Amino acid sequence: MKLWTKIKKSFNNYLNHLAEENKKAFGEGKLDCCSLSKQENKK
């Protein structure tokens, strides 16, 4: 059972890291085509 616990913990850490990176890249609002194209123009 310890193996599955390690796998689950590792996967949860990966998902949390992915969520943080998405917040940095896209913000916390709802994603739609208009806001994404506006964000690209700001760069």
C-alpha atoms as a PDB file:
ATOM      1  CA  MET A   1       0.000   0.000   0.000  1.00  0.00           C
ATOM      2  CA  LYS A   2       2.889   2.405   0.562  1.00  0.00           C
ATOM      3  CA  LEU A   3       3.684   2.303  -3.144  1.00  0.00           C
ATOM      4  CA  TRP A   4       0.185   3.504  -4.071  1.00  0.00           C
ATOM      5  CA  THR A   5       0.384   6.236  -1.428  1.00  0.00           C
ATOM      6  CA  LYS A   6       3.660   7.484  -2.915  1.00  0.00           C
ATOM      7  CA  ILE A   7       2.230   7.386  -6.429  1.00  0.00           C
ATOM      8  CA  LYS A   8      -0.892   9.272  -5.332  1.00  0.00           C
ATOM      9  CA  LYS A   9       1.155  11.898  -3.475  1.00  0.00           C
ATOM     10  CA  SER A  10       3.468  12.351  -6.441  1.00  0.00           C
ATOM     11  CA  PHE A  11       0.555  12.726  -8.857  1.00  0.00           C
ATOM     12  CA  ASN A  12      -1.185  15.235  -6.577  1.00  0.00           C
ATOM     13  CA  ASN A  13       2.022  17.280  -6.356  1.00  0.00           C
ATOM     14  CA  TYR A  14       2.242  17.262 -10.143  1.00  0.00           C
ATOM     15  CA  LEU A  15      -1.355  18.440 -10.506  1.00  0.00           C
ATOM     16  CA  ASN A  16      -0.850  21.215  -7.950  1.00  0.00           C
ATOM     17  CA  HIS A  17       2.270  22.387  -9.762  1.00  0.00           C
ATOM     18  CA  LEU A  18       0.405  22.332 -13.075  1.00  0.00           C
ATOM     19  CA  ALA A  19      -2.453  24.363 -11.583  1.00  0.00           C
ATOM     20  CA  GLU A  20      -0.036  26.988 -10.245  1.00  0.00           C
ATOM     21  CA  GLU A  21       1.651  27.330 -13.629  1.00  0.00           C
ATOM     22  CA  ASN A  22      -1.714  27.688 -15.368  1.00  0.00           C
ATOM     23  CA  LYS A  23      -2.711  30.447 -12.933  1.00  0.00           C
ATOM     24  CA  LYS A  24       0.528  32.279 -13.699  1.00  0.00           C
ATOM     25  CA  ALA A  25       0.032  31.943 -17.443  1.00  0.00           C
ATOM     26  CA  PHE A  26      -3.711  32.536 -17.775  1.00  0.00           C
ATOM     27  CA  GLY A  27      -4.895  34.097 -14.513  1.00  0.00           C
ATOM     28  CA  GLU A  28      -7.685  32.811 -12.352  1.00  0.00           C
ATOM     29  CA  GLY A  29     -10.635  33.791 -14.548  1.00  0.00           C
ATOM     30  CA  LYS A  30     -12.599  31.773 -17.023  1.00  0.00           C
ATOM     31  CA  LEU A  31     -10.710  31.050 -20.237  1.00  0.00           C
ATOM     32  CA  ASP A  32     -12.255  32.220 -23.492  1.00  0.00           C
ATOM     33  CA  CYS A  33     -10.911  33.170 -26.898  1.00  0.00           C
ATOM     34  CA  CYS A  34     -11.323  36.927 -26.371  1.00  0.00           C
ATOM     35  CA  SER A  35      -9.333  37.094 -23.147  1.00  0.00           C
ATOM     36  CA  LEU A  36      -6.610  34.820 -24.526  1.00  0.00           C
ATOM     37  CA  SER A  37      -6.101  36.937 -27.631  1.00  0.00           C
ATOM     38  CA  LYS A  38      -5.991  40.108 -25.509  1.00  0.00           C
ATOM     39  CA  GLN A  39      -3.380  38.524 -23.262  1.00  0.00           C
ATOM     40  CA  GLU A  40      -1.254  37.591 -26.289  1.00  0.00           C
ATOM     41  CA  ASN A  41      -1.368  41.158 -27.577  1.00  0.00           C
ATOM     42  CA  LYS A  42      -0.021  42.474 -24.265  1.00  0.00           C
ATOM     43  CA  LYS A  43       3.179  40.427 -24.583  1.00  0.00           C
END
